[in-house]
Amino acid sequence: MNGTALTEDSLRAGIVHTMREMVRLGINQGTSGNVSARWRDGFLITPSGVPAAQLEADTIVWLPLDIDASAPVFDEKRPSTEWRFHRDILRARPEIEAVVHTHSNAATAMSIHGRDIPAHHYMVAAAGGNSIRCAPYATFGSQALSDHAVAALQNRTACLLAHHGVIALGADLTRALWLANEVEVLAQQYLLAATLGVPPVLSDEQMDEVVHRFSHYGVQRKRP
C-alpha cells in the first residue's frame, strides 16, 4: 500500500499535494478533478467542491470499499461526487493504489469527439496497450459513468471520459499523477500532429514490444 512506512496522515497529505500539483502542472483547475488512494479496507478521497488551494489533510474523506449511496456517511461528509468510479476501480483492480481524475484541456478536447488516443507515439503504451480508450458519455457522478470507466480501463491504467476528462491509475499517487500528465502530453502531441494531416500510428506488433519493455522498465536485478 503506497509504501511500507506510509501512515494515514502522510497519505492524506499526499492527496492534498497531488491535487495542488495537478493545478501547478495545468492539468486541472478550480474545483474540478479528484484524487483517491487505497487505505486499509477502504479509500481516502478528496471532498466535493473544495479548490486545491483550500484542501487540508483533515478535509480528505475516508470511505469503505463497500460503500453505497444510502450510507449514513453521506449525511455527515461530502466526498467527491465521483466517489463511485473511485470505489469501483479500486474494487476491480487490487493492484491499483491510487486514482487521479483531471479535466486537462487537450485530452478533454479529444474526449469531446469521443476519440481514443491512438498509438501515434510509443509512450501511449505507458497506459498498458496500443491506445488510450475513450469511455462513452454518462452524467458525472453516476453509476453508468463508473461502469463505462471500469470497462474502458480493462487492461489499461488510463482512459478518457467522453465530454469530461481523464482517469489515470497507479501503484501510488506519484505514478498516477505522472500518468495523468503524460496522457495530456500525448493528447497535445496528437492534436499538433493532426494539423499536418491524419497522424500515422505504430502497429500493434510494435506497441506490444513497447508494452513488454515497459513491464521491465526500471526493474533492478539483484546482484548474484
Protein backbone atom coordinates (compact mmCIF):
# COMPACT_ATOMS: atom_id res chain seq x y z
CA MET A 1 0.00 0.00 0.00
CA ASN A 2 1.81 3.04 -1.28
CA GLY A 3 4.97 2.05 0.62
CA THR A 4 5.52 0.13 3.82
CA ALA A 5 6.16 3.20 6.00
CA LEU A 6 3.08 5.08 4.85
CA THR A 7 0.73 6.41 7.52
CA GLU A 8 -2.79 7.73 7.15
CA ASP A 9 -1.58 11.26 7.87
CA SER A 10 1.11 11.06 5.19
CA LEU A 11 -1.35 9.61 2.68
CA ARG A 12 -3.84 12.41 3.35
CA ALA A 13 -1.04 14.94 2.88
CA GLY A 14 -0.05 13.16 -0.33
CA ILE A 15 -3.56 13.50 -1.72
CA VAL A 16 -3.58 17.24 -0.97
CA HIS A 17 -0.14 17.59 -2.61
CA THR A 18 -1.33 15.67 -5.68
CA MET A 19 -4.33 17.96 -6.14
CA ARG A 20 -2.11 21.03 -5.88
CA GLU A 21 0.40 19.55 -8.32
CA MET A 22 -2.44 18.99 -10.81
CA VAL A 23 -3.12 22.72 -10.76
CA ARG A 24 0.58 23.58 -11.00
CA LEU A 25 1.01 21.28 -14.00
CA GLY A 26 -2.00 22.86 -15.69
CA ILE A 27 -3.98 19.62 -15.92
CA ASN A 28 -6.76 20.71 -13.58
CA GLN A 29 -8.45 23.88 -12.43
CA GLY A 30 -10.99 25.23 -9.96
CA THR A 31 -12.97 22.58 -8.13
CA SER A 32 -12.78 20.06 -10.96
CA GLY A 33 -10.91 16.78 -10.70
CA ASN A 34 -10.44 14.47 -7.73
CA VAL A 35 -7.95 12.04 -6.21
CA SER A 36 -8.22 8.88 -4.14
CA ALA A 37 -5.85 6.38 -2.56
CA ARG A 38 -6.46 2.98 -1.05
CA TRP A 39 -6.30 2.87 2.74
CA ARG A 40 -6.99 -0.21 4.85
CA ASP A 41 -10.43 -1.63 3.93
CA GLY A 42 -11.46 1.48 2.01
CA PHE A 43 -10.07 4.58 0.40
CA LEU A 44 -9.33 8.22 1.09
CA ILE A 45 -10.83 10.68 -1.39
CA THR A 46 -10.95 14.43 -1.90
CA PRO A 47 -14.11 16.24 -0.75
CA SER A 48 -16.70 17.75 -3.07
CA GLY A 49 -16.41 21.33 -4.25
CA VAL A 50 -13.19 22.36 -2.50
CA PRO A 51 -10.44 24.06 -4.59
CA ALA A 52 -6.99 22.51 -4.30
CA ALA A 53 -5.59 25.59 -2.54
CA GLN A 54 -8.16 25.20 0.25
CA LEU A 55 -7.69 21.48 0.84
CA GLU A 56 -6.27 20.30 4.14
CA ALA A 57 -5.40 16.80 5.30
CA ASP A 58 -8.42 16.66 7.62
CA THR A 59 -10.82 17.52 4.77
CA ILE A 60 -9.96 14.28 2.96
CA VAL A 61 -12.79 11.76 3.39
CA TRP A 62 -12.39 8.05 4.16
CA LEU A 63 -14.97 5.66 2.67
CA PRO A 64 -15.20 1.86 2.94
CA LEU A 65 -14.94 -0.10 -0.32
CA ASP A 66 -18.45 -1.49 0.20
CA ILE A 67 -19.97 2.00 0.45
CA ASP A 68 -23.24 2.77 -1.32
CA ALA A 69 -25.26 5.95 -1.75
CA SER A 70 -27.59 5.14 1.16
CA ALA A 71 -24.78 5.02 3.71
CA PRO A 72 -25.14 7.40 6.69
CA VAL A 73 -21.66 8.81 6.00
CA PHE A 74 -23.15 10.95 3.22
CA ASP A 75 -25.24 12.79 5.82
CA GLU A 76 -22.04 13.80 7.60
CA LYS A 77 -19.40 14.20 4.89
CA ARG A 78 -19.28 15.29 1.26
CA PRO A 79 -16.82 13.14 -0.69
CA SER A 80 -16.24 13.91 -4.35
CA THR A 81 -19.32 13.39 -6.49
CA GLU A 82 -17.18 10.89 -8.47
CA TRP A 83 -16.70 8.55 -5.49
CA ARG A 84 -18.44 5.74 -7.39
CA PHE A 85 -15.78 5.27 -10.04
CA HIS A 86 -13.02 5.54 -7.44
CA ARG A 87 -14.74 2.82 -5.39
CA ASP A 88 -15.41 0.58 -8.38
CA ILE A 89 -11.92 0.93 -9.86
CA LEU A 90 -10.27 0.08 -6.54
CA ARG A 91 -12.63 -2.88 -6.13
CA ALA A 92 -11.93 -4.19 -9.62
CA ARG A 93 -8.19 -3.56 -9.65
CA PRO A 94 -6.47 -4.83 -6.49
CA GLU A 95 -3.05 -3.90 -7.89
CA ILE A 96 -4.04 -0.22 -8.09
CA GLU A 97 -3.44 2.02 -5.07
CA ALA A 98 -4.27 5.50 -6.41
CA VAL A 99 -6.74 7.10 -8.84
CA VAL A 100 -6.31 10.59 -10.34
CA HIS A 101 -9.07 12.31 -12.31
CA THR A 102 -8.38 15.52 -14.27
CA HIS A 103 -10.10 17.85 -16.73
CA SER A 104 -6.94 18.59 -18.72
CA ASN A 105 -7.56 20.58 -21.89
CA ALA A 106 -6.13 18.60 -24.81
CA ALA A 107 -7.23 15.19 -23.54
CA THR A 108 -10.69 16.55 -22.79
CA ALA A 109 -10.84 18.06 -26.29
CA MET A 110 -10.25 14.60 -27.76
CA SER A 111 -12.86 13.15 -25.40
CA ILE A 112 -15.41 15.68 -26.64
CA HIS A 113 -15.09 14.00 -30.03
CA GLY A 114 -15.25 10.56 -28.40
CA ARG A 115 -11.77 9.82 -29.73
CA ASP A 116 -9.34 7.30 -28.32
CA ILE A 117 -5.70 8.40 -28.22
CA PRO A 118 -4.15 6.02 -30.77
CA ALA A 119 -0.57 4.76 -30.96
CA HIS A 120 0.88 7.89 -32.57
CA HIS A 121 3.74 7.74 -30.04
CA TYR A 122 5.22 4.76 -28.25
CA MET A 123 4.52 6.39 -24.85
CA VAL A 124 0.84 5.52 -25.33
CA ALA A 125 1.99 2.11 -24.09
CA ALA A 126 2.59 3.65 -20.67
CA ALA A 127 -1.16 3.20 -20.15
CA GLY A 128 -0.85 -0.52 -20.87
CA GLY A 129 -1.80 -1.02 -24.50
CA ASN A 130 -1.96 0.26 -28.08
CA SER A 131 -4.45 3.04 -27.31
CA ILE A 132 -5.92 5.10 -24.51
CA ARG A 133 -9.63 4.37 -24.79
CA CYS A 134 -12.43 6.91 -24.52
CA ALA A 135 -15.35 5.70 -22.39
CA PRO A 136 -18.89 6.62 -23.55
CA TYR A 137 -20.57 9.66 -22.04
CA ALA A 138 -22.64 9.42 -18.87
CA THR A 139 -23.64 12.03 -16.29
CA PHE A 140 -20.91 12.89 -13.79
CA GLY A 141 -21.16 11.01 -10.50
CA SER A 142 -23.48 8.36 -11.96
CA GLN A 143 -23.17 4.59 -11.74
CA ALA A 144 -23.33 4.49 -15.54
CA LEU A 145 -20.19 6.63 -15.74
CA SER A 146 -18.42 4.34 -13.30
CA ASP A 147 -19.40 1.25 -15.30
CA HIS A 148 -18.13 2.85 -18.54
CA ALA A 149 -14.85 3.85 -16.87
CA VAL A 150 -14.16 0.39 -15.44
CA ALA A 151 -14.77 -1.15 -18.88
CA ALA A 152 -12.52 1.37 -20.67
CA LEU A 153 -9.77 0.69 -18.12
CA GLN A 154 -9.74 -3.06 -18.70
CA ASN A 155 -6.05 -3.96 -19.19
CA ARG A 156 -5.22 -0.24 -19.07
CA THR A 157 -4.12 2.28 -16.48
CA ALA A 158 -5.65 5.37 -18.13
CA CYS A 159 -8.74 6.30 -20.10
CA LEU A 160 -10.64 9.32 -21.35
CA LEU A 161 -14.24 10.03 -20.36
CA ALA A 162 -16.34 11.41 -23.21
CA HIS A 163 -17.16 15.12 -22.82
CA HIS A 164 -15.47 15.04 -19.44
CA GLY A 165 -11.79 14.33 -18.79
CA VAL A 166 -9.17 11.74 -17.83
CA ILE A 167 -8.71 8.93 -15.31
CA ALA A 168 -5.20 7.69 -14.52
CA LEU A 169 -4.26 4.86 -12.17
CA GLY A 170 -1.07 3.99 -10.37
CA ALA A 171 0.70 1.87 -7.79
CA ASP A 172 0.98 5.10 -5.80
CA LEU A 173 -0.06 8.75 -6.04
CA THR A 174 3.18 9.79 -7.74
CA ARG A 175 2.75 7.27 -10.54
CA ALA A 176 -0.94 8.08 -11.08
CA LEU A 177 -0.18 11.81 -11.25
CA TRP A 178 2.69 11.21 -13.67
CA LEU A 179 0.43 9.18 -15.95
CA ALA A 180 -2.36 11.78 -15.86
CA ASN A 181 0.13 14.39 -17.02
CA GLU A 182 1.55 12.03 -19.66
CA VAL A 183 -1.94 11.48 -21.09
CA GLU A 184 -2.29 15.24 -21.51
CA VAL A 185 1.12 15.47 -23.22
CA LEU A 186 0.15 12.65 -25.60
CA ALA A 187 -3.14 14.37 -26.43
CA GLN A 188 -1.31 17.64 -27.13
CA GLN A 189 1.14 15.81 -29.42
CA TYR A 190 -1.69 14.11 -31.28
CA LEU A 191 -3.62 17.34 -31.86
CA LEU A 192 -0.46 19.13 -33.02
CA ALA A 193 0.45 16.30 -35.39
CA ALA A 194 -3.14 16.32 -36.72
CA THR A 195 -2.59 19.85 -38.08
CA LEU A 196 -0.31 18.21 -40.69
CA GLY A 197 -2.85 15.51 -41.56
CA VAL A 198 -4.05 12.26 -40.01
CA PRO A 199 -1.20 11.14 -37.73
CA PRO A 200 0.33 7.78 -38.67
CA VAL A 201 0.29 5.20 -35.88
CA LEU A 202 2.54 2.37 -34.77
CA SER A 203 1.45 -1.19 -35.47
CA ASP A 204 0.02 -3.50 -32.83
CA GLU A 205 3.21 -5.57 -33.02
CA GLN A 206 5.38 -2.50 -32.41
CA MET A 207 3.23 -1.45 -29.47
CA ASP A 208 3.21 -4.97 -28.00
CA GLU A 209 7.01 -4.82 -27.93
CA VAL A 210 6.94 -1.48 -26.11
CA VAL A 211 4.37 -2.73 -23.59
CA HIS A 212 6.63 -5.73 -22.92
CA ARG A 213 9.67 -3.49 -22.46
CA PHE A 214 7.74 -1.22 -20.10
CA SER A 215 6.86 -4.24 -17.96
CA HIS A 216 10.57 -4.49 -17.08
CA TYR A 217 11.38 -0.78 -17.17
CA GLY A 218 13.11 0.42 -14.02
CA VAL A 219 13.33 -3.09 -12.54
CA GLN A 220 16.73 -3.59 -10.92
CA ARG A 221 18.12 -7.08 -10.98
CA LYS A 222 19.76 -8.32 -7.79
CA ARG A 223 23.49 -8.89 -7.99
CA PRO A 224 24.49 -12.55 -7.69
